N, C-alpha and C. Protein backbone atom coordinates (compact mmCIF):
# COMPACT_ATOMS: atom_id res chain seq x y z
N MET A 1 -84.31 115.67 84.28
CA MET A 1 -85.45 115.40 83.47
C MET A 1 -86.53 116.43 83.34
N VAL A 2 -87.07 116.62 84.71
CA VAL A 2 -87.87 117.80 84.94
C VAL A 2 -87.55 118.91 84.33
N GLN A 3 -86.43 119.05 84.11
CA GLN A 3 -85.84 120.78 83.90
C GLN A 3 -85.92 120.87 82.28
N ILE A 4 -85.58 119.54 81.63
CA ILE A 4 -85.82 119.51 80.25
C ILE A 4 -87.05 119.65 79.73
N PHE A 5 -88.02 119.03 80.58
CA PHE A 5 -89.57 119.01 80.21
C PHE A 5 -90.04 120.51 80.08
N LEU A 6 -89.65 121.38 81.41
CA LEU A 6 -90.02 122.88 81.57
C LEU A 6 -89.22 123.55 80.53
N ILE A 7 -88.17 123.28 80.19
CA ILE A 7 -87.64 124.27 79.13
C ILE A 7 -88.36 124.03 77.72
N VAL A 8 -88.92 122.85 77.65
CA VAL A 8 -89.57 122.56 76.30
C VAL A 8 -90.92 122.97 76.02
N ILE A 9 -91.63 123.10 77.24
CA ILE A 9 -92.81 123.60 77.56
C ILE A 9 -92.69 125.36 77.52
N GLY A 10 -91.65 125.74 78.18
CA GLY A 10 -91.71 127.00 78.22
C GLY A 10 -91.35 127.82 76.87
N ALA A 11 -90.28 126.81 76.02
CA ALA A 11 -89.93 127.29 74.59
C ALA A 11 -91.26 127.48 73.80
N SER A 12 -91.99 126.22 74.00
CA SER A 12 -93.07 126.08 72.99
C SER A 12 -94.11 127.04 73.39
N LEU A 13 -94.43 127.35 74.77
CA LEU A 13 -95.27 128.40 75.13
C LEU A 13 -94.58 129.91 74.56
N GLY A 14 -93.35 130.18 74.61
CA GLY A 14 -92.92 131.38 74.23
C GLY A 14 -92.86 131.59 72.69
N LEU A 15 -92.82 130.45 72.10
CA LEU A 15 -92.86 130.49 70.63
C LEU A 15 -94.57 131.05 70.23
N PHE A 16 -95.67 130.25 70.86
CA PHE A 16 -96.87 130.35 70.83
C PHE A 16 -97.09 131.86 70.81
N VAL A 17 -96.76 132.31 71.87
CA VAL A 17 -97.09 133.75 72.49
C VAL A 17 -96.67 134.54 71.56
N THR A 18 -95.12 134.67 70.74
CA THR A 18 -94.43 135.18 69.95
C THR A 18 -95.27 135.46 68.49
N THR A 19 -95.79 134.20 68.25
CA THR A 19 -96.41 134.26 66.89
C THR A 19 -97.61 135.00 66.90
N TRP A 20 -98.45 134.50 68.31
CA TRP A 20 -99.46 135.54 68.39
C TRP A 20 -99.52 136.69 68.49
N LEU A 21 -98.52 137.30 68.86
CA LEU A 21 -98.33 138.84 69.14
C LEU A 21 -97.89 139.33 67.74
N ILE A 22 -96.98 138.61 66.90
CA ILE A 22 -96.77 139.21 65.31
C ILE A 22 -98.00 139.07 64.71
N VAL A 23 -98.95 137.97 64.38
CA VAL A 23 -100.17 138.32 63.82
C VAL A 23 -100.99 139.27 64.41
N TYR A 24 -101.21 139.51 65.90
CA TYR A 24 -101.98 140.41 66.09
C TYR A 24 -101.82 141.84 66.07
N VAL A 25 -100.29 142.26 66.04
CA VAL A 25 -99.76 143.48 65.77
C VAL A 25 -99.73 143.67 64.22
N GLY A 26 -99.86 142.43 63.52
CA GLY A 26 -99.69 142.58 61.89
C GLY A 26 -101.35 143.07 61.40
N GLN A 27 -102.07 142.40 62.24
CA GLN A 27 -103.79 142.86 61.94
C GLN A 27 -104.08 144.25 62.53
N PHE A 28 -103.35 144.79 63.46
CA PHE A 28 -103.60 146.00 63.88
C PHE A 28 -103.14 146.83 63.12
N ILE A 29 -101.92 146.64 62.44
CA ILE A 29 -101.12 147.74 61.80
C ILE A 29 -101.83 147.91 60.23
N GLN A 30 -102.31 146.48 59.60
CA GLN A 30 -102.59 146.33 58.42
C GLN A 30 -104.25 145.84 58.45
N PRO A 31 -105.58 146.37 59.18
CA PRO A 31 -106.64 145.62 59.26
C PRO A 31 -107.30 144.91 57.71
N ASP A 32 -108.10 144.21 57.99
CA ASP A 32 -108.86 143.86 56.66
C ASP A 32 -109.45 144.94 56.08
N ARG A 33 -109.41 145.31 54.45
CA ARG A 33 -110.17 145.99 53.84
C ARG A 33 -111.63 145.45 53.61
N PRO A 34 -112.58 146.25 53.78
CA PRO A 34 -114.00 145.73 53.77
C PRO A 34 -114.18 145.38 51.99
N LEU A 35 -114.88 144.39 51.92
CA LEU A 35 -114.77 144.03 50.30
C LEU A 35 -115.85 144.93 49.60
N SER A 36 -115.89 145.25 48.55
CA SER A 36 -116.56 146.15 47.63
C SER A 36 -117.94 145.28 47.39
N PRO A 37 -118.91 145.89 47.04
CA PRO A 37 -120.16 145.24 46.84
C PRO A 37 -120.26 144.25 45.64
N GLN A 38 -119.29 144.45 44.86
CA GLN A 38 -119.36 143.54 43.60
C GLN A 38 -118.61 142.28 44.19
N HIS A 39 -117.74 142.38 45.05
CA HIS A 39 -117.18 141.14 45.46
C HIS A 39 -117.61 140.51 46.64
N ASP A 40 -118.65 140.91 47.41
CA ASP A 40 -119.04 140.59 48.40
C ASP A 40 -120.37 139.38 48.15
N LEU A 41 -119.97 138.18 48.11
CA LEU A 41 -120.87 137.15 47.52
C LEU A 41 -122.29 137.19 48.44
N ASP A 42 -121.88 137.31 49.87
CA ASP A 42 -123.06 137.26 50.59
C ASP A 42 -124.13 138.17 50.51
N LEU A 43 -123.66 139.64 50.14
CA LEU A 43 -124.46 140.78 49.91
C LEU A 43 -125.25 140.51 48.40
N MET A 44 -124.16 140.19 47.67
CA MET A 44 -125.14 139.75 46.12
C MET A 44 -126.13 138.64 46.13
N ARG A 45 -125.71 137.71 47.11
CA ARG A 45 -126.90 136.45 46.97
C ARG A 45 -127.94 137.16 47.80
N ARG A 46 -128.03 137.89 48.79
CA ARG A 46 -129.05 138.49 49.49
C ARG A 46 -129.58 139.72 48.72
N VAL A 47 -129.10 140.39 47.95
CA VAL A 47 -129.71 141.26 47.09
C VAL A 47 -130.61 140.60 45.72
N SER A 48 -130.10 139.15 45.21
CA SER A 48 -130.68 138.57 44.20
C SER A 48 -131.64 137.93 44.79
N MET A 49 -131.60 137.45 45.96
CA MET A 49 -132.86 137.01 46.73
C MET A 49 -134.00 138.00 47.02
N LYS A 50 -133.82 139.19 47.46
CA LYS A 50 -134.57 139.83 47.66
C LYS A 50 -135.49 140.36 46.03
N VAL A 51 -134.76 140.71 45.27
CA VAL A 51 -135.10 141.18 43.83
C VAL A 51 -136.06 139.54 43.32
N GLY A 52 -135.91 138.55 43.60
CA GLY A 52 -136.61 137.47 43.33
C GLY A 52 -135.97 136.59 42.01
N LYS A 53 -134.56 136.62 42.07
CA LYS A 53 -133.61 135.56 41.42
C LYS A 53 -133.27 134.36 41.91
N PRO A 54 -133.40 133.60 41.31
CA PRO A 54 -133.04 132.02 41.96
C PRO A 54 -131.53 132.04 42.75
N SER A 55 -131.16 131.58 43.90
CA SER A 55 -129.98 131.75 44.65
C SER A 55 -130.25 130.96 45.73
N PRO A 56 -129.05 130.32 46.24
CA PRO A 56 -128.80 129.59 47.42
C PRO A 56 -129.46 130.41 48.57
N VAL A 57 -130.54 129.83 49.44
CA VAL A 57 -130.74 130.32 50.77
C VAL A 57 -130.39 129.65 51.88
N LEU A 58 -129.90 130.58 52.76
CA LEU A 58 -129.17 130.03 54.11
C LEU A 58 -130.28 130.35 55.11
N PHE A 59 -129.94 129.72 56.20
CA PHE A 59 -130.88 129.70 57.48
C PHE A 59 -131.01 130.97 57.83
N SER A 60 -129.74 131.71 57.95
CA SER A 60 -129.56 133.03 58.40
C SER A 60 -130.61 133.91 57.65
N ASP A 61 -130.72 133.62 56.26
CA ASP A 61 -131.24 134.40 55.35
C ASP A 61 -132.50 134.42 55.88
N ILE A 62 -133.26 133.31 56.08
CA ILE A 62 -134.73 133.13 56.16
C ILE A 62 -134.78 133.83 57.57
N ARG A 63 -134.22 133.88 58.63
CA ARG A 63 -134.28 134.42 59.74
C ARG A 63 -134.10 136.28 59.46
N MET A 64 -133.55 136.49 58.84
CA MET A 64 -133.21 138.11 58.60
C MET A 64 -134.62 138.30 57.82
N LEU A 65 -135.04 137.73 56.83
CA LEU A 65 -136.24 137.83 55.99
C LEU A 65 -137.47 138.06 56.93
N GLU A 66 -137.71 137.20 57.97
CA GLU A 66 -138.72 137.01 58.76
C GLU A 66 -138.89 138.22 59.55
N LYS A 67 -137.42 138.40 60.21
CA LYS A 67 -137.31 139.56 61.05
C LYS A 67 -137.79 140.61 60.42
N GLU A 68 -137.31 141.38 59.02
CA GLU A 68 -137.72 142.32 58.64
C GLU A 68 -139.28 142.48 58.19
N ARG A 69 -139.69 141.08 57.49
CA ARG A 69 -141.38 141.25 57.60
C ARG A 69 -141.97 141.32 58.69
N ILE A 70 -141.50 141.18 59.84
CA ILE A 70 -142.39 141.35 61.08
C ILE A 70 -142.20 142.58 61.73
N LEU A 71 -140.90 143.20 61.50
CA LEU A 71 -140.93 144.48 61.99
C LEU A 71 -141.12 145.61 61.08
N VAL A 72 -141.78 145.42 59.78
CA VAL A 72 -142.34 146.49 58.92
C VAL A 72 -143.18 147.24 59.53
N GLY A 73 -144.27 146.48 60.15
CA GLY A 73 -145.21 147.41 60.71
C GLY A 73 -145.30 147.68 62.22
N ALA A 74 -143.80 147.46 62.83
CA ALA A 74 -143.75 147.97 64.17
C ALA A 74 -143.62 148.94 64.92
N GLU A 75 -143.25 150.15 63.93
CA GLU A 75 -143.44 151.28 64.29
C GLU A 75 -144.63 152.16 64.51
N VAL A 76 -145.67 151.49 64.18
CA VAL A 76 -147.04 151.70 64.31
C VAL A 76 -147.72 151.25 65.31
N GLN A 77 -147.22 150.03 65.78
CA GLN A 77 -147.80 149.32 67.02
C GLN A 77 -146.85 149.83 68.07
N GLU A 78 -147.48 149.61 69.34
CA GLU A 78 -146.58 149.84 70.50
C GLU A 78 -145.68 148.85 70.66
N TYR A 79 -146.06 147.59 70.61
CA TYR A 79 -145.32 146.18 70.96
C TYR A 79 -145.59 145.08 70.26
N SER A 80 -144.97 144.69 69.43
CA SER A 80 -144.94 143.60 68.50
C SER A 80 -144.19 142.42 69.02
N TYR A 81 -144.57 141.08 68.92
CA TYR A 81 -143.94 139.98 69.26
C TYR A 81 -144.65 138.64 68.69
N GLN A 82 -143.89 138.66 67.85
CA GLN A 82 -144.35 137.07 66.84
C GLN A 82 -143.20 136.54 66.33
N GLU A 83 -143.52 134.86 66.57
CA GLU A 83 -142.37 134.01 66.29
C GLU A 83 -141.25 134.45 66.54
N GLY A 84 -140.92 134.73 67.86
CA GLY A 84 -139.72 134.90 68.35
C GLY A 84 -139.24 136.29 68.26
N PHE A 85 -139.80 136.98 67.61
CA PHE A 85 -138.99 138.51 67.30
C PHE A 85 -140.08 139.62 67.75
N SER A 86 -139.26 140.40 68.38
CA SER A 86 -140.20 141.72 69.11
C SER A 86 -139.48 142.84 68.55
N SER A 87 -140.55 144.00 68.99
CA SER A 87 -139.72 145.11 68.18
C SER A 87 -139.28 146.18 69.16
N GLY A 88 -139.03 145.54 70.36
CA GLY A 88 -138.51 146.47 71.47
C GLY A 88 -139.43 146.44 72.87
N TRP A 89 -139.08 147.17 73.62
CA TRP A 89 -140.08 146.98 75.02
C TRP A 89 -140.88 148.33 74.67
N PRO A 90 -142.35 148.11 75.49
CA PRO A 90 -143.28 149.02 75.47
C PRO A 90 -142.60 149.99 76.52
N ASP A 91 -143.44 151.20 76.33
CA ASP A 91 -143.06 152.18 77.45
C ASP A 91 -143.21 151.91 78.64
N ARG A 92 -144.49 151.14 79.12
CA ARG A 92 -144.88 150.60 80.41
C ARG A 92 -143.79 150.14 80.99
N TRP A 93 -143.20 149.23 80.11
CA TRP A 93 -142.14 148.34 80.89
C TRP A 93 -140.86 148.83 80.99
N VAL A 94 -140.51 149.81 80.51
CA VAL A 94 -139.31 150.71 80.60
C VAL A 94 -139.59 151.56 81.74
N ASP A 95 -140.56 152.00 81.85
CA ASP A 95 -141.39 152.98 83.18
C ASP A 95 -140.80 152.25 84.37
N ASP A 96 -141.37 150.78 83.95
CA ASP A 96 -141.48 149.89 85.20
C ASP A 96 -140.11 149.18 85.76
N VAL A 97 -139.19 149.25 84.94
CA VAL A 97 -137.90 148.98 85.04
C VAL A 97 -137.08 150.32 85.64
N ILE A 98 -137.39 151.34 85.45
CA ILE A 98 -136.90 152.68 85.95
C ILE A 98 -137.26 152.83 87.18
N GLN A 99 -138.47 152.45 87.66
CA GLN A 99 -138.90 152.45 89.04
C GLN A 99 -138.60 151.48 89.96
N ARG A 100 -138.40 150.32 89.26
CA ARG A 100 -137.63 149.36 90.17
C ARG A 100 -136.31 149.12 90.38
N ARG A 101 -135.38 149.91 89.67
CA ARG A 101 -133.95 149.84 89.82
C ARG A 101 -133.82 150.58 91.05
N ASN A 102 -132.38 149.82 91.59
CA ASN A 102 -131.90 150.36 92.96
C ASN A 102 -131.22 151.73 92.71
C-alpha cells in the first residue's frame, strides 16, 4: 500500500516537474514580445490621463502621478521628502554611511 502511494506521489511530482520544465524552456526559447504602444492599453490609458481625456484611473496611476509631481523640483533641492516619497539621500547621509561601514 505504501509502495503504491509513493509511486503515485513520485509520478505526480515527475509529471509536474516535466510540465514546468517544458513551459520554462518554451518561454526561454520564445520570450513574450513587447506590446506596441498602440496595443498597450495601460500605456494608452496613462497617456490619455496625462493629456486630460476622461479615462479610468487606477490607484497605481495616482501614486505614479503624485511621485512625478513631487520629484519635478527635486533636482534643485538637496533632499525632498513629502507624503511618503523621497528624492534620494542627501550627500551628508551618504558620507555618514560610508564612514560607518566596516
